[in-house]
Amino acid sequence: MENIRKYNVREHYLLEIDDVFNGPNNGRIYKTWSWDVYIADNGYEYKGMAIERTKNEIIPWTTLVEHEYEIEMNKLCQERVSQRV
């Protein structure tokens, strides 16, 4: 027997994160990461995922445990940016 769970996307937004670091001659270099963020729920469980298309990065569907789901997803995106620099 199949087990099917349906989640409705409650939020879909663009999250831009500027990564700033020192370049040659003490210049500042900016790279902007543009994340498509999705937050979905099925009434009692929330999941989030994000895609950064130009850099081929993805945060797969993840169960969200904090009650500030948007903040939790933003943190996950920021962590991914800091790992990939």
Protein backbone atom coordinates (compact mmCIF):
# COMPACT_ATOMS: atom_id res chain seq x y z
CA MET A 1 0.00 0.00 0.00
CA GLU A 2 1.21 3.47 -0.82
CA ASN A 3 1.82 6.07 1.85
CA ILE A 4 1.10 9.55 0.46
CA ARG A 5 1.61 12.86 2.24
CA LYS A 6 0.51 16.15 0.70
CA TYR A 7 2.11 19.47 1.69
CA ASN A 8 0.79 22.83 0.53
CA VAL A 9 3.35 25.52 -0.24
CA ARG A 10 2.54 28.37 2.16
CA GLU A 11 5.41 30.66 1.29
CA HIS A 12 7.60 31.16 -1.74
CA TYR A 13 10.01 34.08 -1.71
CA LEU A 14 13.30 35.36 -3.08
CA LEU A 15 16.10 35.65 -0.52
CA GLU A 16 19.20 37.56 -1.64
CA ILE A 17 22.37 37.19 0.41
CA ASP A 18 25.40 39.36 -0.35
CA ASP A 19 28.68 37.62 0.29
CA VAL A 20 31.36 40.25 0.86
CA PHE A 21 35.07 39.48 1.07
CA ASN A 22 38.41 41.17 0.52
CA GLY A 23 39.84 41.07 -2.97
CA PRO A 24 43.13 42.23 -4.45
CA ASN A 25 44.43 45.68 -3.47
CA ASN A 26 42.13 45.72 -0.40
CA GLY A 27 39.07 45.96 -2.64
CA ARG A 28 35.77 44.50 -1.57
CA ILE A 29 34.21 41.80 -3.71
CA TYR A 30 30.48 41.15 -3.60
CA LYS A 31 28.77 37.99 -4.74
CA THR A 32 25.00 37.90 -4.49
CA TRP A 33 23.29 34.59 -3.89
CA SER A 34 19.64 34.57 -5.00
CA TRP A 35 17.67 31.80 -3.32
CA ASP A 36 14.18 30.61 -4.25
CA VAL A 37 12.82 29.57 -0.85
CA TYR A 38 9.76 27.38 -0.33
CA ILE A 39 7.99 26.59 2.94
CA ALA A 40 5.22 23.97 2.94
CA ASP A 41 3.06 22.25 5.54
CA ASN A 42 0.50 19.51 5.87
CA GLY A 43 -1.32 20.90 8.88
CA TYR A 44 1.10 19.76 11.57
CA GLU A 45 4.55 19.39 9.96
CA TYR A 46 6.52 22.11 8.16
CA LYS A 47 9.21 21.56 5.54
CA GLY A 48 11.42 23.95 3.65
CA MET A 49 13.71 23.86 0.63
CA ALA A 50 15.75 26.39 -1.32
CA ILE A 51 17.39 26.58 -4.74
CA GLU A 52 20.17 28.90 -5.90
CA ARG A 53 20.00 28.35 -9.64
CA THR A 54 23.03 30.31 -10.87
CA LYS A 55 25.39 28.49 -8.51
CA ASN A 56 23.70 25.07 -8.77
CA GLU A 57 23.07 24.85 -5.04
CA ILE A 58 20.10 23.20 -3.42
CA ILE A 59 18.91 22.73 0.12
CA PRO A 60 16.60 19.71 -0.17
CA TRP A 61 13.24 19.46 1.56
CA THR A 62 14.04 19.59 5.27
CA THR A 63 11.72 19.25 8.25
CA LEU A 64 11.64 22.60 10.07
CA VAL A 65 11.68 22.43 13.85
CA GLU A 66 11.77 26.07 14.93
CA HIS A 67 8.48 27.94 15.02
CA GLU A 68 9.99 30.82 13.07
CA TYR A 69 10.12 28.86 9.81
CA GLU A 70 11.23 31.76 7.65
CA ILE A 71 14.14 32.56 9.98
CA GLU A 72 15.15 28.91 10.05
CA MET A 73 15.25 28.72 6.25
CA ASN A 74 17.19 32.00 6.03
CA LYS A 75 19.78 30.57 8.44
CA LEU A 76 20.13 27.41 6.34
CA CYS A 77 20.75 29.53 3.24
CA GLN A 78 23.30 31.70 5.06
CA GLU A 79 25.12 28.59 6.30
CA ARG A 80 25.31 27.21 2.76
CA VAL A 81 26.73 30.50 1.47
CA SER A 82 29.42 30.52 4.16
CA GLN A 83 30.37 26.89 3.33
CA ARG A 84 30.77 27.55 -0.40
CA VAL A 85 32.97 30.62 -0.39
